[in-house]
């Protein structure tokens, strides 16, 4: 990977969050699979892109789960000493809202792409 690519990816992650970037890559994979099926009748390559979609979608869910786990630790710490709590709650809410928004925007399109 080149330094330019790493810098660009880091900026994207900083701006949008790791979960959103991985989910966006998953959507791209799903759309590529659908394009190959619909326009090129290339089911073999489409299956590979669909597999990549499933892998990235699973990774995004795992990342979000780790954020939730991290936040639950911060919330427990907050309940013990009332420090950092507002940060944990804000981050937890941001992650959940971002995940819900992205899942709604993906909607059934990605599901249909993988199962279609």
PDB file of N, CA and C in Angstrom:
ATOM      1  N   UNK A   1       0.854  -1.169   0.000  1.00  0.00           N
ATOM      2  CA  UNK A   1       0.000   0.000   0.000  1.00  0.00           C
ATOM      3  C   UNK A   1       0.902   1.234   0.000  1.00  0.00           C
ATOM      4  N   UNK A   2       0.549   2.221  -0.793  1.00  0.00           N
ATOM      5  CA  UNK A   2       1.358   3.425  -0.884  1.00  0.00           C
ATOM      6  C   UNK A   2       1.039   4.378   0.264  1.00  0.00           C
ATOM      7  N   UNK A   3       1.978   5.273   0.525  1.00  0.00           N
ATOM      8  CA  UNK A   3       1.765   6.264   1.582  1.00  0.00           C
ATOM      9  C   UNK A   3       0.565   7.147   1.281  1.00  0.00           C
ATOM     10  N   UNK A   4       0.368   7.493  -0.004  1.00  0.00           N
ATOM     11  CA  UNK A   4      -0.777   8.325  -0.384  1.00  0.00           C
ATOM     12  C   UNK A   4      -2.094   7.626  -0.068  1.00  0.00           C
ATOM     13  N   UNK A   5      -2.156   6.343  -0.373  1.00  0.00           N
ATOM     14  CA  UNK A   5      -3.377   5.585  -0.099  1.00  0.00           C
ATOM     15  C   UNK A   5      -3.620   5.496   1.401  1.00  0.00           C
ATOM     16  N   UNK A   6      -2.578   5.228   2.167  1.00  0.00           N
ATOM     17  CA  UNK A   6      -2.722   5.157   3.622  1.00  0.00           C
ATOM     18  C   UNK A   6      -3.190   6.488   4.190  1.00  0.00           C
ATOM     19  N   UNK A   7      -2.637   7.579   3.700  1.00  0.00           N
ATOM     20  CA  UNK A   7      -3.019   8.908   4.173  1.00  0.00           C
ATOM     21  C   UNK A   7      -4.478   9.195   3.835  1.00  0.00           C
ATOM     22  N   UNK A   8      -4.879   8.853   2.616  1.00  0.00           N
ATOM     23  CA  UNK A   8      -6.266   9.071   2.197  1.00  0.00           C
ATOM     24  C   UNK A   8      -7.227   8.236   3.041  1.00  0.00           C
ATOM     25  N   UNK A   9      -6.883   6.957   3.243  1.00  0.00           N
ATOM     26  CA  UNK A   9      -7.744   6.093   4.055  1.00  0.00           C
ATOM     27  C   UNK A   9      -7.826   6.589   5.493  1.00  0.00           C
ATOM     28  N   UNK A  10      -6.703   7.026   6.034  1.00  0.00           N
ATOM     29  CA  UNK A  10      -6.716   7.545   7.402  1.00  0.00           C
ATOM     30  C   UNK A  10      -7.623   8.760   7.510  1.00  0.00           C
ATOM     31  N   UNK A  11      -7.562   9.649   6.517  1.00  0.00           N
ATOM     32  CA  UNK A  11      -8.424  10.828   6.527  1.00  0.00           C
ATOM     33  C   UNK A  11      -9.897  10.433   6.439  1.00  0.00           C
ATOM     34  N   UNK A  12     -10.194   9.438   5.611  1.00  0.00           N
ATOM     35  CA  UNK A  12     -11.584   8.965   5.501  1.00  0.00           C
ATOM     36  C   UNK A  12     -12.063   8.361   6.816  1.00  0.00           C
ATOM     37  N   UNK A  13     -11.229   7.559   7.442  1.00  0.00           N
ATOM     38  CA  UNK A  13     -11.599   6.951   8.728  1.00  0.00           C
ATOM     39  C   UNK A  13     -11.785   8.035   9.785  1.00  0.00           C
ATOM     40  N   UNK A  14     -10.897   9.019   9.791  1.00  0.00           N
ATOM     41  CA  UNK A  14     -11.021  10.116  10.755  1.00  0.00           C
ATOM     42  C   UNK A  14     -12.316  10.894  10.542  1.00  0.00           C
ATOM     43  N   UNK A  15     -12.687  11.091   9.294  1.00  0.00           N
ATOM     44  CA  UNK A  15     -13.878  11.885   8.985  1.00  0.00           C
ATOM     45  C   UNK A  15     -15.181  11.119   9.157  1.00  0.00           C
ATOM     46  N   UNK A  16     -15.170   9.822   8.841  1.00  0.00           N
ATOM     47  CA  UNK A  16     -16.430   9.078   8.785  1.00  0.00           C
ATOM     48  C   UNK A  16     -16.516   7.911   9.761  1.00  0.00           C
ATOM     49  N   UNK A  17     -15.419   7.511  10.338  1.00  0.00           N
ATOM     50  CA  UNK A  17     -15.420   6.376  11.256  1.00  0.00           C
ATOM     51  C   UNK A  17     -15.125   5.073  10.528  1.00  0.00           C
ATOM     52  N   UNK A  18     -14.435   4.185  11.213  1.00  0.00           N
ATOM     53  CA  UNK A  18     -14.023   2.925  10.604  1.00  0.00           C
ATOM     54  C   UNK A  18     -15.209   2.069  10.179  1.00  0.00           C
ATOM     55  N   UNK A  19     -16.219   1.994  11.028  1.00  0.00           N
ATOM     56  CA  UNK A  19     -17.389   1.178  10.694  1.00  0.00           C
ATOM     57  C   UNK A  19     -18.032   1.652   9.396  1.00  0.00           C
ATOM     58  N   UNK A  20     -18.203   2.965   9.249  1.00  0.00           N
ATOM     59  CA  UNK A  20     -18.835   3.497   8.032  1.00  0.00           C
ATOM     60  C   UNK A  20     -17.993   3.230   6.792  1.00  0.00           C
ATOM     61  N   UNK A  21     -16.678   3.319   6.916  1.00  0.00           N
ATOM     62  CA  UNK A  21     -15.816   3.070   5.760  1.00  0.00           C
ATOM     63  C   UNK A  21     -15.899   1.600   5.351  1.00  0.00           C
ATOM     64  N   UNK A  22     -15.844   0.704   6.323  1.00  0.00           N
ATOM     65  CA  UNK A  22     -15.923  -0.725   5.997  1.00  0.00           C
ATOM     66  C   UNK A  22     -17.290  -1.059   5.415  1.00  0.00           C
ATOM     67  N   UNK A  23     -18.359  -0.469   5.962  1.00  0.00           N
ATOM     68  CA  UNK A  23     -19.687  -0.712   5.409  1.00  0.00           C
ATOM     69  C   UNK A  23     -19.809  -0.166   3.987  1.00  0.00           C
ATOM     70  N   UNK A  24     -19.204   0.992   3.723  1.00  0.00           N
ATOM     71  CA  UNK A  24     -19.242   1.551   2.366  1.00  0.00           C
ATOM     72  C   UNK A  24     -18.514   0.622   1.396  1.00  0.00           C
ATOM     73  N   UNK A  25     -17.386   0.068   1.819  1.00  0.00           N
ATOM     74  CA  UNK A  25     -16.670  -0.887   0.967  1.00  0.00           C
ATOM     75  C   UNK A  25     -17.521  -2.132   0.721  1.00  0.00           C
ATOM     76  N   UNK A  26     -18.261  -2.554   1.740  1.00  0.00           N
ATOM     77  CA  UNK A  26     -19.147  -3.712   1.571  1.00  0.00           C
ATOM     78  C   UNK A  26     -20.216  -3.415   0.519  1.00  0.00           C
ATOM     79  N   UNK A  27     -20.783  -2.227   0.570  1.00  0.00           N
ATOM     80  CA  UNK A  27     -21.810  -1.839  -0.407  1.00  0.00           C
ATOM     81  C   UNK A  27     -21.219  -1.808  -1.810  1.00  0.00           C
ATOM     82  N   UNK A  28     -20.014  -1.285  -1.940  1.00  0.00           N
ATOM     83  CA  UNK A  28     -19.350  -1.258  -3.246  1.00  0.00           C
ATOM     84  C   UNK A  28     -19.203  -2.671  -3.790  1.00  0.00           C
ATOM     85  N   UNK A  29     -18.796  -3.600  -2.930  1.00  0.00           N
ATOM     86  CA  UNK A  29     -18.656  -4.997  -3.357  1.00  0.00           C
ATOM     87  C   UNK A  29     -19.993  -5.567  -3.822  1.00  0.00           C
ATOM     88  N   UNK A  30     -21.050  -5.291  -3.060  1.00  0.00           N
ATOM     89  CA  UNK A  30     -22.378  -5.789  -3.432  1.00  0.00           C
ATOM     90  C   UNK A  30     -22.820  -5.206  -4.770  1.00  0.00           C
ATOM     91  N   UNK A  31     -22.565  -3.916  -4.971  1.00  0.00           N
ATOM     92  CA  UNK A  31     -22.958  -3.281  -6.228  1.00  0.00           C
ATOM     93  C   UNK A  31     -22.148  -3.824  -7.407  1.00  0.00           C
ATOM     94  N   UNK A  32     -20.868  -4.093  -7.191  1.00  0.00           N
ATOM     95  CA  UNK A  32     -20.045  -4.682  -8.252  1.00  0.00           C
ATOM     96  C   UNK A  32     -20.572  -6.073  -8.616  1.00  0.00           C
ATOM     97  N   UNK A  33     -20.938  -6.847  -7.608  1.00  0.00           N
ATOM     98  CA  UNK A  33     -21.478  -8.186  -7.866  1.00  0.00           C
ATOM     99  C   UNK A  33     -22.754  -8.095  -8.697  1.00  0.00           C
ATOM    100  N   UNK A  34     -23.634  -7.185  -8.319  1.00  0.00           N
ATOM    101  CA  UNK A  34     -24.887  -7.025  -9.057  1.00  0.00           C
ATOM    102  C   UNK A  34     -24.629  -6.561 -10.490  1.00  0.00           C
ATOM    103  N   UNK A  35     -23.698  -5.637 -10.661  1.00  0.00           N
ATOM    104  CA  UNK A  35     -23.361  -5.148 -12.000  1.00  0.00           C
ATOM    105  C   UNK A  35     -22.834  -6.293 -12.876  1.00  0.00           C
ATOM    106  N   UNK A  36     -21.970  -7.121 -12.321  1.00  0.00           N
ATOM    107  CA  UNK A  36     -21.428  -8.249 -13.088  1.00  0.00           C
ATOM    108  C   UNK A  36     -22.522  -9.243 -13.467  1.00  0.00           C
ATOM    109  N   UNK A  37     -23.437  -9.502 -12.543  1.00  0.00           N
ATOM    110  CA  UNK A  37     -24.533 -10.432 -12.833  1.00  0.00           C
ATOM    111  C   UNK A  37     -25.449  -9.872 -13.925  1.00  0.00           C
ATOM    112  N   UNK A  38     -25.794  -8.601 -13.765  1.00  0.00           N
ATOM    113  CA  UNK A  38     -26.789  -7.999 -14.664  1.00  0.00           C
ATOM    114  C   UNK A  38     -26.234  -7.672 -16.048  1.00  0.00           C
ATOM    115  N   UNK A  39     -25.007  -7.204 -16.113  1.00  0.00           N
ATOM    116  CA  UNK A  39     -24.488  -6.689 -17.381  1.00  0.00           C
ATOM    117  C   UNK A  39     -23.510  -7.614 -18.088  1.00  0.00           C
ATOM    118  N   UNK A  40     -22.865  -8.464 -17.362  1.00  0.00           N
ATOM    119  CA  UNK A  40     -21.836  -9.311 -17.966  1.00  0.00           C
ATOM    120  C   UNK A  40     -22.135 -10.797 -17.819  1.00  0.00           C
ATOM    121  N   UNK A  41     -23.172 -11.124 -17.082  1.00  0.00           N
ATOM    122  CA  UNK A  41     -23.536 -12.524 -16.817  1.00  0.00           C
ATOM    123  C   UNK A  41     -22.321 -13.312 -16.303  1.00  0.00           C
ATOM    124  N   UNK A  42     -21.487 -12.634 -15.529  1.00  0.00           N
ATOM    125  CA  UNK A  42     -20.286 -13.244 -14.967  1.00  0.00           C
ATOM    126  C   UNK A  42     -20.577 -13.652 -13.520  1.00  0.00           C
ATOM    127  N   UNK A  43     -21.184 -14.816 -13.372  1.00  0.00           N
ATOM    128  CA  UNK A  43     -21.598 -15.271 -12.048  1.00  0.00           C
ATOM    129  C   UNK A  43     -20.410 -15.641 -11.162  1.00  0.00           C
ATOM    130  N   UNK A  44     -19.328 -16.116 -11.762  1.00  0.00           N
ATOM    131  CA  UNK A  44     -18.162 -16.531 -10.979  1.00  0.00           C
ATOM    132  C   UNK A  44     -17.532 -15.335 -10.268  1.00  0.00           C
ATOM    133  N   UNK A  45     -17.254 -14.280 -11.024  1.00  0.00           N
ATOM    134  CA  UNK A  45     -16.662 -13.090 -10.411  1.00  0.00           C
ATOM    135  C   UNK A  45     -17.671 -12.409  -9.490  1.00  0.00           C
ATOM    136  N   UNK A  46     -18.938 -12.431  -9.847  1.00  0.00           N
ATOM    137  CA  UNK A  46     -19.978 -11.846  -8.996  1.00  0.00           C
ATOM    138  C   UNK A  46     -20.022 -12.550  -7.642  1.00  0.00           C
ATOM    139  N   UNK A  47     -19.867 -13.872  -7.653  1.00  0.00           N
ATOM    140  CA  UNK A  47     -19.843 -14.608  -6.379  1.00  0.00           C
ATOM    141  C   UNK A  47     -18.659 -14.173  -5.518  1.00  0.00           C
ATOM    142  N   UNK A  48     -17.524 -13.912  -6.155  1.00  0.00           N
ATOM    143  CA  UNK A  48     -16.349 -13.462  -5.403  1.00  0.00           C
ATOM    144  C   UNK A  48     -16.618 -12.094  -4.758  1.00  0.00           C
ATOM    145  N   UNK A  49     -17.227 -11.176  -5.518  1.00  0.00           N
ATOM    146  CA  UNK A  49     -17.558  -9.869  -4.955  1.00  0.00           C
ATOM    147  C   UNK A  49     -18.610 -10.005  -3.847  1.00  0.00           C
ATOM    148  N   UNK A  50     -19.560 -10.917  -4.017  1.00  0.00           N
ATOM    149  CA  UNK A  50     -20.566 -11.148  -2.971  1.00  0.00           C
ATOM    150  C   UNK A  50     -19.919 -11.701  -1.708  1.00  0.00           C
ATOM    151  N   UNK A  51     -18.928 -12.573  -1.880  1.00  0.00           N
ATOM    152  CA  UNK A  51     -18.201 -13.100  -0.721  1.00  0.00           C
ATOM    153  C   UNK A  51     -17.453 -11.977  -0.015  1.00  0.00           C
ATOM    154  N   UNK A  52     -16.857 -11.077  -0.803  1.00  0.00           N
ATOM    155  CA  UNK A  52     -16.185  -9.921  -0.199  1.00  0.00           C
ATOM    156  C   UNK A  52     -17.177  -9.049   0.551  1.00  0.00           C
ATOM    157  N   UNK A  53     -18.377  -8.873  -0.027  1.00  0.00           N
ATOM    158  CA  UNK A  53     -19.421  -8.113   0.669  1.00  0.00           C
ATOM    159  C   UNK A  53     -19.723  -8.737   2.030  1.00  0.00           C
ATOM    160  N   UNK A  54     -19.940 -10.036   2.038  1.00  0.00           N
ATOM    161  CA  UNK A  54     -20.278 -10.708   3.301  1.00  0.00           C
ATOM    162  C   UNK A  54     -19.155 -10.566   4.318  1.00  0.00           C
ATOM    163  N   UNK A  55     -17.911 -10.700   3.877  1.00  0.00           N
ATOM    164  CA  UNK A  55     -16.768 -10.568   4.772  1.00  0.00           C
ATOM    165  C   UNK A  55     -16.689  -9.167   5.361  1.00  0.00           C
ATOM    166  N   UNK A  56     -16.819  -8.154   4.510  1.00  0.00           N
ATOM    167  CA  UNK A  56     -16.737  -6.773   4.993  1.00  0.00           C
ATOM    168  C   UNK A  56     -17.933  -6.404   5.863  1.00  0.00           C
ATOM    169  N   UNK A  57     -19.112  -6.894   5.515  1.00  0.00           N
ATOM    170  CA  UNK A  57     -20.290  -6.630   6.334  1.00  0.00           C
ATOM    171  C   UNK A  57     -20.113  -7.240   7.721  1.00  0.00           C
ATOM    172  N   UNK A  58     -19.594  -8.449   7.774  1.00  0.00           N
ATOM    173  CA  UNK A  58     -19.329  -9.107   9.059  1.00  0.00           C
ATOM    174  C   UNK A  58     -18.274  -8.324   9.852  1.00  0.00           C
ATOM    175  N   UNK A  59     -17.248  -7.838   9.160  1.00  0.00           N
ATOM    176  CA  UNK A  59     -16.200  -7.050   9.828  1.00  0.00           C
ATOM    177  C   UNK A  59     -16.774  -5.754  10.396  1.00  0.00           C
ATOM    178  N   UNK A  60     -17.634  -5.092   9.640  1.00  0.00           N
ATOM    179  CA  UNK A  60     -18.241  -3.842  10.117  1.00  0.00           C
ATOM    180  C   UNK A  60     -19.063  -4.091  11.377  1.00  0.00           C
ATOM    181  N   UNK A  61     -19.831  -5.196  11.373  1.00  0.00           N
ATOM    182  CA  UNK A  61     -20.618  -5.519  12.569  1.00  0.00           C
ATOM    183  C   UNK A  61     -19.713  -5.828  13.753  1.00  0.00           C
ATOM    184  N   UNK A  62     -18.599  -6.507  13.499  1.00  0.00           N
ATOM    185  CA  UNK A  62     -17.660  -6.830  14.577  1.00  0.00           C
ATOM    186  C   UNK A  62     -17.021  -5.559  15.137  1.00  0.00           C
ATOM    187  N   UNK A  63     -16.656  -4.628  14.259  1.00  0.00           N
ATOM    188  CA  UNK A  63     -16.065  -3.369  14.710  1.00  0.00           C
ATOM    189  C   UNK A  63     -17.064  -2.613  15.571  1.00  0.00           C
ATOM    190  N   UNK A  64     -18.301  -2.544  15.123  1.00  0.00           N
ATOM    191  CA  UNK A  64     -19.322  -1.834  15.886  1.00  0.00           C
ATOM    192  C   UNK A  64     -19.555  -2.515  17.229  1.00  0.00           C
ATOM    193  N   UNK A  65     -19.525  -3.837  17.251  1.00  0.00           N
ATOM    194  CA  UNK A  65     -19.687  -4.566  18.517  1.00  0.00           C
ATOM    195  C   UNK A  65     -18.551  -4.253  19.473  1.00  0.00           C
ATOM    196  N   UNK A  66     -17.327  -4.129  18.933  1.00  0.00           N
ATOM    197  CA  UNK A  66     -16.198  -3.787  19.793  1.00  0.00           C
ATOM    198  C   UNK A  66     -16.367  -2.389  20.357  1.00  0.00           C
ATOM    199  N   UNK A  67     -16.901  -1.463  19.550  1.00  0.00           N
ATOM    200  CA  UNK A  67     -17.155  -0.112  20.036  1.00  0.00           C
ATOM    201  C   UNK A  67     -18.184  -0.164  21.150  1.00  0.00           C
ATOM    202  N   UNK A  68     -19.234  -0.979  20.967  1.00  0.00           N
ATOM    203  CA  UNK A  68     -20.249  -1.119  22.008  1.00  0.00           C
ATOM    204  C   UNK A  68     -19.640  -1.697  23.279  1.00  0.00           C
ATOM    205  N   UNK A  69     -18.785  -2.707  23.139  1.00  0.00           N
ATOM    206  CA  UNK A  69     -18.137  -3.303  24.303  1.00  0.00           C
ATOM    207  C   UNK A  69     -17.273  -2.278  25.001  1.00  0.00           C
ATOM    208  N   UNK A  70     -16.473  -1.537  24.233  1.00  0.00           N
ATOM    209  CA  UNK A  70     -15.633  -0.492  24.800  1.00  0.00           C
ATOM    210  C   UNK A  70     -16.492   0.539  25.519  1.00  0.00           C
ATOM    211  N   UNK A  71     -17.609   0.927  24.896  1.00  0.00           N
ATOM    212  CA  UNK A  71     -18.483   1.919  25.514  1.00  0.00           C
ATOM    213  C   UNK A  71     -19.125   1.397  26.778  1.00  0.00           C
ATOM    214  N   UNK A  72     -19.470   0.112  26.811  1.00  0.00           N
ATOM    215  CA  UNK A  72     -20.079  -0.422  28.029  1.00  0.00           C
ATOM    216  C   UNK A  72     -19.082  -0.383  29.177  1.00  0.00           C
ATOM    217  N   UNK A  73     -17.799  -0.578  28.881  1.00  0.00           N
ATOM    218  CA  UNK A  73     -16.767  -0.448  29.914  1.00  0.00           C
ATOM    219  C   UNK A  73     -16.706   0.991  30.401  1.00  0.00           C
ATOM    220  N   UNK A  74     -16.748   1.945  29.469  1.00  0.00           N
ATOM    221  CA  UNK A  74     -16.722   3.356  29.859  1.00  0.00           C
ATOM    222  C   UNK A  74     -17.961   3.739  30.662  1.00  0.00           C
ATOM    223  N   UNK A  75     -19.104   3.196  30.276  1.00  0.00           N
ATOM    224  CA  UNK A  75     -20.334   3.494  31.019  1.00  0.00           C
ATOM    225  C   UNK A  75     -20.231   2.958  32.437  1.00  0.00           C
ATOM    226  N   UNK A  76     -19.713   1.735  32.583  1.00  0.00           N
ATOM    227  CA  UNK A  76     -19.538   1.194  33.946  1.00  0.00           C
ATOM    228  C   UNK A  76     -18.579   2.067  34.756  1.00  0.00           C
ATOM    229  N   UNK A  77     -17.502   2.525  34.098  1.00  0.00           N
ATOM    230  CA  UNK A  77     -16.557   3.414  34.772  1.00  0.00           C
ATOM    231  C   UNK A  77     -17.264   4.700  35.183  1.00  0.00           C
ATOM    232  N   UNK A  78     -18.098   5.214  34.313  1.00  0.00           N
ATOM    233  CA  UNK A  78     -18.846   6.433  34.615  1.00  0.00           C
ATOM    234  C   UNK A  78     -19.755   6.222  35.819  1.00  0.00           C
ATOM    235  N   UNK A  79     -20.442   5.103  35.825  1.00  0.00           N
ATOM    236  CA  UNK A  79     -21.345   4.842  36.935  1.00  0.00           C
ATOM    237  C   UNK A  79     -20.593   4.731  38.252  1.00  0.00           C
ATOM    238  N   UNK A  80     -19.339   4.249  38.185  1.00  0.00           N
ATOM    239  CA  UNK A  80     -18.530   4.162  39.402  1.00  0.00           C
ATOM    240  C   UNK A  80     -18.017   5.520  39.858  1.00  0.00           C
ATOM    241  N   UNK A  81     -17.513   6.333  38.936  1.00  0.00           N
ATOM    242  CA  UNK A  81     -16.851   7.568  39.374  1.00  0.00           C
ATOM    243  C   UNK A  81     -17.325   8.828  38.652  1.00  0.00           C
ATOM    244  N   UNK A  82     -18.330   8.709  37.806  1.00  0.00           N
ATOM    245  CA  UNK A  82     -18.933   9.854  37.108  1.00  0.00           C
ATOM    246  C   UNK A  82     -17.939  10.610  36.225  1.00  0.00           C
ATOM    247  N   UNK A  83     -16.936   9.908  35.720  1.00  0.00           N
ATOM    248  CA  UNK A  83     -15.950  10.509  34.821  1.00  0.00           C
ATOM    249  C   UNK A  83     -16.043   9.806  33.477  1.00  0.00           C
ATOM    250  N   UNK A  84     -15.928  10.512  32.401  1.00  0.00           N
ATOM    251  CA  UNK A  84     -15.933   9.996  31.034  1.00  0.00           C
ATOM    252  C   UNK A  84     -17.309   9.514  30.565  1.00  0.00           C
ATOM    253  N   UNK A  85     -18.286   9.540  31.395  1.00  0.00           N
ATOM    254  CA  UNK A  85     -19.586   8.972  31.031  1.00  0.00           C
ATOM    255  C   UNK A  85     -20.219   9.628  29.829  1.00  0.00           C
ATOM    256  N   UNK A  86     -20.197  10.969  29.781  1.00  0.00           N
ATOM    257  CA  UNK A  86     -20.821  11.653  28.650  1.00  0.00           C
ATOM    258  C   UNK A  86     -20.130  11.285  27.350  1.00  0.00           C
ATOM    259  N   UNK A  87     -18.810  11.047  27.395  1.00  0.00           N
ATOM    260  CA  UNK A  87     -18.099  10.645  26.178  1.00  0.00           C
ATOM    261  C   UNK A  87     -18.541   9.268  25.710  1.00  0.00           C
ATOM    262  N   UNK A  88     -18.675   8.333  26.642  1.00  0.00           N
ATOM    263  CA  UNK A  88     -19.090   6.976  26.289  1.00  0.00           C
ATOM    264  C   UNK A  88     -20.499   6.973  25.712  1.00  0.00           C
ATOM    265  N   UNK A  89     -21.385   7.705  26.332  1.00  0.00           N
ATOM    266  CA  UNK A  89     -22.770   7.731  25.867  1.00  0.00           C
ATOM    267  C   UNK A  89     -22.851   8.388  24.487  1.00  0.00           C
ATOM    268  N   UNK A  90     -22.106   9.485  24.279  1.00  0.00           N
ATOM    269  CA  UNK A  90     -22.103  10.134  22.973  1.00  0.00           C
ATOM    270  C   UNK A  90     -21.545   9.207  21.895  1.00  0.00           C
ATOM    271  N   UNK A  91     -20.443   8.512  22.189  1.00  0.00           N
ATOM    272  CA  UNK A  91     -19.839   7.618  21.209  1.00  0.00           C
ATOM    273  C   UNK A  91     -20.764   6.445  20.907  1.00  0.00           C
ATOM    274  N   UNK A  92     -21.386   5.887  21.950  1.00  0.00           N
ATOM    275  CA  UNK A  92     -22.315   4.776  21.768  1.00  0.00           C
ATOM    276  C   UNK A  92     -23.482   5.219  20.883  1.00  0.00           C
ATOM    277  N   UNK A  93     -24.027   6.386  21.162  1.00  0.00           N
ATOM    278  CA  UNK A  93     -25.146   6.907  20.385  1.00  0.00           C
ATOM    279  C   UNK A  93     -24.716   7.171  18.942  1.00  0.00           C
ATOM    280  N   UNK A  94     -23.524   7.758  18.742  1.00  0.00           N
ATOM    281  CA  UNK A  94     -23.029   8.045  17.401  1.00  0.00           C
ATOM    282  C   UNK A  94     -22.865   6.761  16.598  1.00  0.00           C
ATOM    283  N   UNK A  95     -22.298   5.745  17.238  1.00  0.00           N
ATOM    284  CA  UNK A  95     -22.078   4.480  16.539  1.00  0.00           C
ATOM    285  C   UNK A  95     -23.417   3.840  16.154  1.00  0.00           C
ATOM    286  N   UNK A  96     -24.348   3.805  17.089  1.00  0.00           N
ATOM    287  CA  UNK A  96     -25.655   3.205  16.803  1.00  0.00           C
ATOM    288  C   UNK A  96     -26.388   3.972  15.714  1.00  0.00           C
ATOM    289  N   UNK A  97     -26.364   5.308  15.797  1.00  0.00           N
ATOM    290  CA  UNK A  97     -27.039   6.124  14.797  1.00  0.00           C
ATOM    291  C   UNK A  97     -26.412   5.932  13.419  1.00  0.00           C
ATOM    292  N   UNK A  98     -25.085   5.912  13.378  1.00  0.00           N
ATOM    293  CA  UNK A  98     -24.402   5.734  12.095  1.00  0.00           C
ATOM    294  C   UNK A  98     -24.712   4.367  11.504  1.00  0.00           C
ATOM    295  N   UNK A  99     -24.698   3.337  12.336  1.00  0.00           N
ATOM    296  CA  UNK A  99     -24.983   1.990  11.864  1.00  0.00           C
ATOM    297  C   UNK A  99     -26.415   1.890  11.353  1.00  0.00           C
ATOM    298  N   UNK A 100     -27.363   2.439  12.118  1.00  0.00           N
ATOM    299  CA  UNK A 100     -28.765   2.409  11.695  1.00  0.00           C
ATOM    300  C   UNK A 100     -28.968   3.161  10.385  1.00  0.00           C
ATOM    301  N   UNK A 101     -28.354   4.326  10.265  1.00  0.00           N
ATOM    302  CA  UNK A 101     -28.486   5.125   9.048  1.00  0.00           C
ATOM    303  C   UNK A 101     -27.914   4.388   7.852  1.00  0.00           C
ATOM    304  N   UNK A 102     -26.732   3.818   8.027  1.00  0.00           N
ATOM    305  CA  UNK A 102     -26.085   3.111   6.917  1.00  0.00           C
ATOM    306  C   UNK A 102     -26.895   1.877   6.529  1.00  0.00           C
ATOM    307  N   UNK A 103     -27.391   1.126   7.510  1.00  0.00           N
ATOM    308  CA  UNK A 103     -28.186  -0.062   7.206  1.00  0.00           C
ATOM    309  C   UNK A 103     -29.460   0.324   6.461  1.00  0.00           C
ATOM    310  N   UNK A 104     -30.092   1.438   6.858  1.00  0.00           N
ATOM    311  CA  UNK A 104     -31.299   1.878   6.152  1.00  0.00           C
ATOM    312  C   UNK A 104     -30.962   2.293   4.730  1.00  0.00           C
ATOM    313  N   UNK A 105     -29.806   2.968   4.551  1.00  0.00           N
ATOM    314  CA  UNK A 105     -29.463   3.422   3.197  1.00  0.00           C
ATOM    315  C   UNK A 105     -29.099   2.239   2.300  1.00  0.00           C
ATOM    316  N   UNK A 106     -28.490   1.213   2.895  1.00  0.00           N
ATOM    317  CA  UNK A 106     -28.196   0.015   2.122  1.00  0.00           C
ATOM    318  C   UNK A 106     -29.504  -0.689   1.791  1.00  0.00           C
ATOM    319  N   UNK A 107     -30.358  -0.774   2.803  1.00  0.00           N
ATOM    320  CA  UNK A 107     -31.687  -1.357   2.642  1.00  0.00           C
ATOM    321  C   UNK A 107     -31.659  -2.752   2.061  1.00  0.00           C
ATOM    322  N   UNK A 108     -32.656  -3.041   1.339  1.00  0.00           N
ATOM    323  CA  UNK A 108     -32.776  -4.359   0.756  1.00  0.00           C
ATOM    324  C   UNK A 108     -31.895  -4.529  -0.465  1.00  0.00           C
ATOM    325  N   UNK A 109     -31.362  -3.417  -0.994  1.00  0.00           N
ATOM    326  CA  UNK A 109     -30.529  -3.495  -2.199  1.00  0.00           C
ATOM    327  C   UNK A 109     -29.348  -4.440  -1.993  1.00  0.00           C
ATOM    328  N   UNK A 110     -28.626  -4.287  -0.880  1.00  0.00           N
ATOM    329  CA  UNK A 110     -27.473  -5.150  -0.636  1.00  0.00           C
ATOM    330  C   UNK A 110     -27.912  -6.577  -0.369  1.00  0.00           C
ATOM    331  N   UNK A 111     -29.003  -6.745   0.357  1.00  0.00           N
ATOM    332  CA  UNK A 111     -29.502  -8.084   0.638  1.00  0.00           C
ATOM    333  C   UNK A 111     -29.903  -8.774  -0.650  1.00  0.00           C
ATOM    334  N   UNK A 112     -30.588  -8.046  -1.527  1.00  0.00           N
ATOM    335  CA  UNK A 112     -31.005  -8.630  -2.797  1.00  0.00           C
ATOM    336  C   UNK A 112     -29.792  -8.957  -3.641  1.00  0.00           C
ATOM    337  N   UNK A 113     -28.753  -8.145  -3.573  1.00  0.00           N
ATOM    338  CA  UNK A 113     -27.551  -8.379  -4.373  1.00  0.00           C
ATOM    339  C   UNK A 113     -26.884  -9.680  -3.952  1.00  0.00           C
ATOM    340  N   UNK A 114     -26.774  -9.882  -2.655  1.00  0.00           N
ATOM    341  CA  UNK A 114     -26.092 -11.078  -2.167  1.00  0.00           C
ATOM    342  C   UNK A 114     -26.917 -12.338  -2.431  1.00  0.00           C
ATOM    343  N   UNK A 115     -28.225 -12.238  -2.225  1.00  0.00           N
ATOM    344  CA  UNK A 115     -29.061 -13.428  -2.395  1.00  0.00           C
ATOM    345  C   UNK A 115     -29.472 -13.631  -3.838  1.00  0.00           C
ATOM    346  N   UNK A 116     -29.398 -12.571  -4.647  1.00  0.00           N
ATOM    347  CA  UNK A 116     -29.856 -12.642  -6.048  1.00  0.00           C
ATOM    348  C   UNK A 116     -28.865 -13.306  -6.863  1.00  0.00           C
TER     349      UNK A 116
END
